[in-house]
Amino acid sequence: MTRGLGDNSGLAPTIRVTVKMFNSLSPYAGGCAPKRLEVPAGTIIGDLAARFRVPTDEIFLVLLNGKDVTRQLGAPVNLARELDDGDEVALSGPVPYSWGYGAPIV
């Protein structure tokens, strides 16, 4: 069935995103293989973390389409960023020898 202009079927708009989890977070996604999801429009990164039951205090890096969306080093990760259709989100726990493991910031 083709939907046309003026369709009032009541279906909420959705977008498709890809989620990847690395390091200590990969078990929450059953491994680090990409997960392709259809989610409601307006979904934020924090919604994805909740969907996979990832404790937000375990997320040390958030990449959106390959770019870090956190405002500054050492700041809480930006989980409020709204997603667009086709976005790729990567979540990571601390990486050895990084500030998340207590290494000094140079």
C-alpha atoms as a PDB file:
ATOM      1  CA  MET A   1       0.000   0.000   0.000  1.00  0.00           C
ATOM      2  CA  THR A   2       1.420   3.384  -0.960  1.00  0.00           C
ATOM      3  CA  ARG A   3       0.889   6.290   1.383  1.00  0.00           C
ATOM      4  CA  GLY A   4       0.245   9.631  -0.151  1.00  0.00           C
ATOM      5  CA  LEU A   5      -0.059  13.260   0.746  1.00  0.00           C
ATOM      6  CA  GLY A   6      -2.598  13.731   3.500  1.00  0.00           C
ATOM      7  CA  ASP A   7      -2.210  10.215   4.900  1.00  0.00           C
ATOM      8  CA  ASN A   8      -3.535  10.275   8.460  1.00  0.00           C
ATOM      9  CA  SER A   9      -2.879   6.676   9.374  1.00  0.00           C
ATOM     10  CA  GLY A  10      -1.667   7.662  12.828  1.00  0.00           C
ATOM     11  CA  LEU A  11       1.707   5.975  12.468  1.00  0.00           C
ATOM     12  CA  ALA A  12       4.502   7.836  14.214  1.00  0.00           C
ATOM     13  CA  PRO A  13       7.406   8.764  11.935  1.00  0.00           C
ATOM     14  CA  THR A  14      10.522   6.665  12.375  1.00  0.00           C
ATOM     15  CA  ILE A  15      14.187   6.932  11.465  1.00  0.00           C
ATOM     16  CA  ARG A  16      16.872   4.297  10.931  1.00  0.00           C
ATOM     17  CA  VAL A  17      20.123   4.443  12.880  1.00  0.00           C
ATOM     18  CA  THR A  18      23.127   2.205  13.369  1.00  0.00           C
ATOM     19  CA  VAL A  19      24.526   1.605  16.863  1.00  0.00           C
ATOM     20  CA  LYS A  20      27.968   0.235  17.682  1.00  0.00           C
ATOM     21  CA  MET A  21      29.348  -0.444  21.160  1.00  0.00           C
ATOM     22  CA  PHE A  22      33.003  -0.905  21.983  1.00  0.00           C
ATOM     23  CA  ASN A  23      35.293  -1.921  24.829  1.00  0.00           C
ATOM     24  CA  SER A  24      33.465  -2.589  28.097  1.00  0.00           C
ATOM     25  CA  LEU A  25      30.088  -1.695  26.531  1.00  0.00           C
ATOM     26  CA  SER A  26      30.060  -4.347  23.792  1.00  0.00           C
ATOM     27  CA  PRO A  27      28.400  -6.989  26.032  1.00  0.00           C
ATOM     28  CA  TYR A  28      25.308  -4.751  26.312  1.00  0.00           C
ATOM     29  CA  ALA A  29      24.822  -5.099  22.555  1.00  0.00           C
ATOM     30  CA  GLY A  30      25.837  -8.756  22.369  1.00  0.00           C
ATOM     31  CA  GLY A  31      29.200  -7.861  20.778  1.00  0.00           C
ATOM     32  CA  CYS A  32      30.601  -4.972  18.777  1.00  0.00           C
ATOM     33  CA  ALA A  33      28.808  -5.803  15.516  1.00  0.00           C
ATOM     34  CA  PRO A  34      26.670  -2.876  14.298  1.00  0.00           C
ATOM     35  CA  LYS A  35      22.993  -2.963  15.219  1.00  0.00           C
ATOM     36  CA  ARG A  36      20.603  -1.397  12.730  1.00  0.00           C
ATOM     37  CA  LEU A  37      17.484  -0.058  14.396  1.00  0.00           C
ATOM     38  CA  GLU A  38      14.289   1.684  13.453  1.00  0.00           C
ATOM     39  CA  VAL A  39      13.433   4.176  16.189  1.00  0.00           C
ATOM     40  CA  PRO A  40      10.866   6.950  16.625  1.00  0.00           C
ATOM     41  CA  ALA A  41      11.786  10.344  15.198  1.00  0.00           C
ATOM     42  CA  GLY A  42      13.059  12.536  18.031  1.00  0.00           C
ATOM     43  CA  THR A  43      15.101   9.741  19.604  1.00  0.00           C
ATOM     44  CA  ILE A  44      18.206  10.959  21.464  1.00  0.00           C
ATOM     45  CA  ILE A  45      21.458   9.144  22.197  1.00  0.00           C
ATOM     46  CA  GLY A  46      20.347   8.609  25.808  1.00  0.00           C
ATOM     47  CA  ASP A  47      17.289   6.716  24.533  1.00  0.00           C
ATOM     48  CA  LEU A  48      19.612   4.260  22.775  1.00  0.00           C
ATOM     49  CA  ALA A  49      21.624   3.772  25.967  1.00  0.00           C
ATOM     50  CA  ALA A  50      18.383   3.069  27.843  1.00  0.00           C
ATOM     51  CA  ARG A  51      17.191   0.672  25.144  1.00  0.00           C
ATOM     52  CA  PHE A  52      20.338  -1.438  25.596  1.00  0.00           C
ATOM     53  CA  ARG A  53      20.323  -0.895  29.390  1.00  0.00           C
ATOM     54  CA  VAL A  54      23.765   0.693  29.366  1.00  0.00           C
ATOM     55  CA  PRO A  55      24.415   2.587  32.621  1.00  0.00           C
ATOM     56  CA  THR A  56      25.179   6.132  31.535  1.00  0.00           C
ATOM     57  CA  ASP A  57      28.066   6.439  33.986  1.00  0.00           C
ATOM     58  CA  GLU A  58      29.846   3.665  32.050  1.00  0.00           C
ATOM     59  CA  ILE A  59      29.788   5.626  28.756  1.00  0.00           C
ATOM     60  CA  PHE A  60      33.042   7.550  28.270  1.00  0.00           C
ATOM     61  CA  LEU A  61      32.859   8.378  24.548  1.00  0.00           C
ATOM     62  CA  VAL A  62      29.996   9.055  22.145  1.00  0.00           C
ATOM     63  CA  LEU A  63      30.686   9.370  18.431  1.00  0.00           C
ATOM     64  CA  LEU A  64      27.961  10.503  16.054  1.00  0.00           C
ATOM     65  CA  ASN A  65      28.878   9.822  12.443  1.00  0.00           C
ATOM     66  CA  GLY A  66      32.515   9.542  13.519  1.00  0.00           C
ATOM     67  CA  LYS A  67      32.663  12.817  15.464  1.00  0.00           C
ATOM     68  CA  ASP A  68      32.843  13.215  19.236  1.00  0.00           C
ATOM     69  CA  VAL A  69      29.679  15.041  20.349  1.00  0.00           C
ATOM     70  CA  THR A  70      30.888  15.743  23.887  1.00  0.00           C
ATOM     71  CA  ARG A  71      31.600  19.417  24.442  1.00  0.00           C
ATOM     72  CA  GLN A  72      34.993  19.119  26.163  1.00  0.00           C
ATOM     73  CA  LEU A  73      37.422  16.566  27.540  1.00  0.00           C
ATOM     74  CA  GLY A  74      36.344  15.364  30.954  1.00  0.00           C
ATOM     75  CA  ALA A  75      32.793  16.711  30.603  1.00  0.00           C
ATOM     76  CA  PRO A  76      29.852  14.322  30.904  1.00  0.00           C
ATOM     77  CA  VAL A  77      29.104  12.700  27.564  1.00  0.00           C
ATOM     78  CA  ASN A  78      26.402  14.334  25.473  1.00  0.00           C
ATOM     79  CA  LEU A  79      23.445  11.938  25.594  1.00  0.00           C
ATOM     80  CA  ALA A  80      20.882  14.625  24.730  1.00  0.00           C
ATOM     81  CA  ARG A  81      21.829  14.866  21.042  1.00  0.00           C
ATOM     82  CA  GLU A  82      18.831  14.157  18.801  1.00  0.00           C
ATOM     83  CA  LEU A  83      19.372  11.663  16.014  1.00  0.00           C
ATOM     84  CA  ASP A  84      18.615  11.968  12.309  1.00  0.00           C
ATOM     85  CA  ASP A  85      17.778   9.290   9.765  1.00  0.00           C
ATOM     86  CA  GLY A  86      20.918   7.390   8.753  1.00  0.00           C
ATOM     87  CA  ASP A  87      23.026   8.413  11.771  1.00  0.00           C
ATOM     88  CA  GLU A  88      25.696   6.072  13.111  1.00  0.00           C
ATOM     89  CA  VAL A  89      26.210   6.155  16.874  1.00  0.00           C
ATOM     90  CA  ALA A  90      29.233   4.587  18.577  1.00  0.00           C
ATOM     91  CA  LEU A  91      29.350   4.228  22.355  1.00  0.00           C
ATOM     92  CA  SER A  92      32.517   3.269  24.213  1.00  0.00           C
ATOM     93  CA  GLY A  93      33.580   2.606  27.745  1.00  0.00           C
ATOM     94  CA  PRO A  94      36.997   3.807  28.899  1.00  0.00           C
ATOM     95  CA  VAL A  95      39.946   2.949  26.685  1.00  0.00           C
ATOM     96  CA  PRO A  96      43.163   1.782  28.396  1.00  0.00           C
ATOM     97  CA  TYR A  97      45.625   4.648  28.913  1.00  0.00           C
ATOM     98  CA  SER A  98      42.872   7.243  28.493  1.00  0.00           C
ATOM     99  CA  TRP A  99      41.609   9.819  30.981  1.00  0.00           C
ATOM    100  CA  GLY A 100      38.760   7.401  31.788  1.00  0.00           C
ATOM    101  CA  TYR A 101      41.295   5.023  33.279  1.00  0.00           C
ATOM    102  CA  GLY A 102      42.903   7.793  35.296  1.00  0.00           C
ATOM    103  CA  ALA A 103      45.720   8.669  32.911  1.00  0.00           C
ATOM    104  CA  PRO A 104      46.859  12.295  33.195  1.00  0.00           C
ATOM    105  CA  ILE A 105      45.511  14.754  30.650  1.00  0.00           C
ATOM    106  CA  VAL A 106      48.402  16.303  28.764  1.00  0.00           C
END
